[in-house]
Amino acid sequence: MLGYRLGFILAVMLFPAALLHAARPLPADAPSHSVAGQLLVASPTMQDPRFYHTVILMIRHDRDGALGIVINRPLQERSLASLLRALGSDDTNADGTIRIFAGGPVQPEVGFVVHSTDYHRPETLDIDSHVAMTSSREILRDIAKKQGPKRSLVAFGYAGWGAGQLESEFERRAWFTAPDDPDLIFEWDRDKVWDEAVKRRTQDL
């Protein structure tokens, strides 16, 4: 937990550049078996403690590897005012809090905002027709001004796989897939997300 807290401090300072680097569009040659835009659900037999009972929204999956954001590992509540101050914006009008999630074990200094598609900026990456990700600090300012997306999830760190690594884990039956669902991503009790995702699995890969 301490590592994530330290990573969170770094993430706040590196937020814009790190997001811009991570949120690349999906390539045109993405494989037909790509699970981008789906939920990756850890099987009950998952041996890696970093992914025990995790549910991951898959952002990328192509021949070069895969990237996803864990959606059921909340860390802490943070006031929007303090978050914006850490980003260099002393917005005294900001009120309320925002929940911070551990998005995965890789690069906890990298920040991500997954959100509903009612909000769009030039740098927004559409994951599918109802979930997107935006790579700028302005989204947090807009959330503070009540002009942001209706639903959002702020996470630091991500789950990443090299070329062929996720496919190998599929062969070992380490993961299920399930359709992404905005209610499950943004609204459900985080303690119940994994159980519900397992019920919704479409196939055992």
Protein backbone atom coordinates (compact mmCIF):
# COMPACT_ATOMS: atom_id res chain seq x y z
CA MET A 1 0.00 0.00 0.00
CA LEU A 2 2.83 2.41 0.79
CA GLY A 3 4.23 1.91 -2.68
CA TYR A 4 0.92 2.88 -4.25
CA ARG A 5 0.69 5.99 -2.05
CA LEU A 6 4.16 7.08 -3.16
CA GLY A 7 3.25 6.20 -6.73
CA PHE A 8 0.11 8.30 -6.40
CA ILE A 9 2.15 11.35 -5.42
CA LEU A 10 4.37 10.87 -8.49
CA ALA A 11 1.34 10.20 -10.67
CA VAL A 12 -0.26 13.50 -9.77
CA MET A 13 2.85 15.31 -10.99
CA LEU A 14 3.21 13.27 -14.21
CA PHE A 15 -0.49 12.96 -15.04
CA PRO A 16 -0.79 14.72 -18.45
CA ALA A 17 2.33 13.37 -20.19
CA ALA A 18 1.92 9.85 -18.85
CA LEU A 19 -1.69 9.62 -19.97
CA LEU A 20 -0.92 10.94 -23.43
CA HIS A 21 1.79 8.30 -23.86
CA ALA A 22 -0.39 5.43 -22.63
CA ALA A 23 -3.63 6.20 -24.48
CA ARG A 24 -2.60 5.28 -28.01
CA PRO A 25 -5.33 4.41 -30.54
CA LEU A 26 -5.86 0.75 -31.34
CA PRO A 27 -3.94 -0.25 -34.49
CA ALA A 28 -5.80 -1.20 -37.63
CA ASP A 29 -4.15 -4.62 -37.61
CA ALA A 30 -5.43 -5.64 -34.16
CA PRO A 31 -6.05 -9.41 -34.18
CA SER A 32 -9.57 -10.76 -34.57
CA HIS A 33 -9.35 -12.37 -31.12
CA SER A 34 -8.61 -9.05 -29.43
CA VAL A 35 -10.36 -8.63 -26.08
CA ALA A 36 -10.00 -4.85 -26.08
CA GLY A 37 -13.22 -3.30 -24.82
CA GLN A 38 -14.13 -6.38 -22.77
CA LEU A 39 -13.69 -7.26 -19.12
CA LEU A 40 -10.93 -9.66 -18.19
CA VAL A 41 -11.96 -11.62 -15.10
CA ALA A 42 -9.45 -13.51 -12.97
CA SER A 43 -10.38 -17.17 -12.65
CA PRO A 44 -10.86 -18.63 -9.15
CA THR A 45 -7.61 -20.54 -9.69
CA MET A 46 -5.56 -17.41 -10.40
CA GLN A 47 -2.20 -17.94 -8.65
CA ASP A 48 -0.73 -14.44 -9.00
CA PRO A 49 -1.66 -12.53 -5.81
CA ARG A 50 -1.50 -9.22 -7.70
CA PHE A 51 -4.52 -10.31 -9.74
CA TYR A 52 -6.51 -12.36 -7.23
CA HIS A 53 -10.23 -11.69 -7.88
CA THR A 54 -9.46 -8.76 -10.15
CA VAL A 55 -11.66 -7.46 -12.95
CA ILE A 56 -9.81 -5.57 -15.67
CA LEU A 57 -11.21 -3.28 -18.35
CA MET A 58 -9.12 -4.04 -21.42
CA ILE A 59 -7.92 -0.92 -23.21
CA ARG A 60 -5.56 -2.49 -25.75
CA HIS A 61 -4.90 -5.99 -27.06
CA ASP A 62 -2.93 -6.54 -30.23
CA ARG A 63 0.02 -8.55 -31.52
CA ASP A 64 2.42 -6.36 -29.50
CA GLY A 65 0.74 -7.07 -26.15
CA ALA A 66 -2.12 -5.84 -24.00
CA LEU A 67 -3.01 -3.15 -21.47
CA GLY A 68 -5.93 -2.95 -19.05
CA ILE A 69 -7.14 -1.10 -15.97
CA VAL A 70 -8.20 -2.95 -12.82
CA ILE A 71 -11.61 -1.59 -11.79
CA ASN A 72 -12.16 -3.24 -8.40
CA ARG A 73 -9.17 -2.18 -6.29
CA PRO A 74 -10.10 1.12 -4.61
CA LEU A 75 -7.32 2.81 -2.64
CA GLN A 76 -8.62 5.99 -1.05
CA GLU A 77 -10.88 9.01 -1.32
CA ARG A 78 -9.14 12.25 -2.25
CA SER A 79 -10.61 15.75 -2.25
CA LEU A 80 -10.83 17.28 -5.72
CA ALA A 81 -9.36 20.51 -4.39
CA SER A 82 -6.21 18.81 -3.07
CA LEU A 83 -5.85 16.77 -6.25
CA LEU A 84 -6.08 19.88 -8.42
CA ARG A 85 -3.62 21.73 -6.19
CA ALA A 86 -1.16 18.87 -6.62
CA LEU A 87 -1.63 19.24 -10.36
CA GLY A 88 -0.71 22.91 -10.09
CA SER A 89 -4.24 24.31 -10.23
CA ASP A 90 -5.33 26.08 -7.04
CA ASP A 91 -9.05 25.94 -7.73
CA THR A 92 -10.80 27.20 -4.63
CA ASN A 93 -14.20 26.47 -6.17
CA ALA A 94 -13.61 22.73 -6.35
CA ASP A 95 -15.55 20.69 -3.85
CA GLY A 96 -16.30 17.05 -3.25
CA THR A 97 -14.05 14.01 -3.36
CA ILE A 98 -12.98 11.47 -5.94
CA ARG A 99 -12.17 7.81 -5.44
CA ILE A 100 -8.71 6.65 -6.44
CA PHE A 101 -8.13 3.09 -7.72
CA ALA A 102 -5.06 0.91 -8.11
CA GLY A 103 -5.23 0.24 -11.84
CA GLY A 104 -2.54 -2.44 -11.81
CA PRO A 105 1.02 -3.24 -10.74
CA VAL A 106 2.79 -1.63 -13.72
CA GLN A 107 3.93 2.01 -13.51
CA PRO A 108 1.85 3.27 -10.59
CA GLU A 109 3.03 6.77 -11.56
CA VAL A 110 0.81 6.64 -14.67
CA GLY A 111 -2.73 7.97 -14.27
CA PHE A 112 -5.88 7.09 -16.19
CA VAL A 113 -9.45 8.44 -16.23
CA VAL A 114 -11.96 5.92 -17.59
CA HIS A 115 -15.35 7.51 -18.14
CA SER A 116 -18.70 7.49 -19.90
CA THR A 117 -18.85 8.70 -23.51
CA ASP A 118 -21.00 11.76 -22.79
CA TYR A 119 -17.69 13.60 -22.27
CA HIS A 120 -15.23 14.07 -25.12
CA ARG A 121 -12.04 16.03 -25.72
CA PRO A 122 -9.63 15.92 -28.70
CA GLU A 123 -7.38 13.54 -26.76
CA THR A 124 -10.20 11.23 -25.67
CA LEU A 125 -9.75 7.57 -26.63
CA ASP A 126 -13.03 5.74 -27.30
CA ILE A 127 -12.75 2.20 -25.94
CA ASP A 128 -16.18 1.27 -27.29
CA SER A 129 -19.58 2.90 -27.73
CA HIS A 130 -20.12 3.58 -24.02
CA VAL A 131 -16.70 3.71 -22.32
CA ALA A 132 -13.80 6.07 -23.06
CA MET A 133 -10.54 7.30 -21.56
CA THR A 134 -9.22 10.88 -21.56
CA SER A 135 -5.56 11.80 -21.31
CA SER A 136 -5.42 15.30 -19.86
CA ARG A 137 -5.68 17.02 -16.49
CA GLU A 138 -8.54 19.13 -17.84
CA ILE A 139 -10.97 16.29 -17.25
CA LEU A 140 -10.38 16.60 -13.50
CA ARG A 141 -10.97 20.35 -13.67
CA ASP A 142 -14.20 19.70 -15.56
CA ILE A 143 -15.28 17.09 -13.00
CA ALA A 144 -14.65 19.66 -10.26
CA LYS A 145 -16.77 22.21 -12.16
CA LYS A 146 -19.59 19.66 -12.62
CA GLN A 147 -18.89 19.74 -16.37
CA GLY A 148 -17.19 16.37 -16.61
CA PRO A 149 -18.54 12.95 -17.55
CA LYS A 150 -21.51 11.56 -15.67
CA ARG A 151 -19.43 8.53 -14.69
CA SER A 152 -15.70 8.24 -14.15
CA LEU A 153 -13.03 6.09 -12.55
CA VAL A 154 -9.56 7.47 -11.75
CA ALA A 155 -6.82 4.86 -11.53
CA PHE A 156 -3.03 4.82 -11.22
CA GLY A 157 -0.97 2.01 -12.65
CA TYR A 158 -2.12 -0.60 -15.13
CA ALA A 159 -1.96 -4.29 -15.97
CA GLY A 160 0.31 -4.98 -18.91
CA TRP A 161 1.32 -8.00 -20.99
CA GLY A 162 4.06 -8.43 -23.58
CA ALA A 163 3.55 -9.98 -27.00
CA GLY A 164 1.91 -13.39 -26.64
CA GLN A 165 1.87 -13.27 -22.83
CA LEU A 166 -1.86 -12.83 -22.38
CA GLU A 167 -2.56 -15.54 -24.97
CA SER A 168 -0.40 -17.90 -22.93
CA GLU A 169 -2.41 -17.08 -19.82
CA PHE A 170 -5.62 -17.74 -21.74
CA GLU A 171 -4.32 -21.21 -22.58
CA ARG A 172 -3.73 -21.84 -18.86
CA ARG A 173 -7.34 -20.79 -18.15
CA ALA A 174 -6.16 -17.97 -15.90
CA TRP A 175 -8.86 -15.58 -17.19
CA PHE A 176 -12.48 -15.38 -18.25
CA THR A 177 -13.92 -12.66 -20.45
CA ALA A 178 -17.19 -10.80 -19.96
CA PRO A 179 -18.88 -7.93 -21.81
CA ASP A 180 -18.08 -4.55 -20.37
CA ASP A 181 -21.02 -2.90 -18.64
CA PRO A 182 -20.95 0.75 -17.48
CA ASP A 183 -22.96 -0.12 -14.37
CA LEU A 184 -20.43 -2.78 -13.38
CA ILE A 185 -17.48 -0.52 -14.19
CA PHE A 186 -18.71 2.61 -12.42
CA GLU A 187 -21.56 1.86 -10.03
CA TRP A 188 -21.43 -1.59 -8.47
CA ASP A 189 -20.10 -2.19 -4.97
CA ARG A 190 -16.42 -2.96 -5.62
CA ASP A 191 -16.57 -5.95 -3.25
CA LYS A 192 -19.21 -7.52 -5.51
CA VAL A 193 -17.77 -6.71 -8.95
CA TRP A 194 -15.71 -9.90 -9.31
CA ASP A 195 -18.58 -12.21 -8.28
CA GLU A 196 -20.93 -10.52 -10.72
CA ALA A 197 -18.36 -10.51 -13.56
CA VAL A 198 -17.82 -14.26 -13.10
CA LYS A 199 -21.58 -14.81 -13.45
CA ARG A 200 -21.55 -12.83 -16.71
CA ARG A 201 -18.57 -14.56 -18.32
CA THR A 202 -19.14 -15.33 -21.96
CA GLN A 203 -16.63 -18.17 -22.28
CA ASP A 204 -13.76 -19.84 -20.53
CA LEU A 205 -10.75 -19.00 -22.63
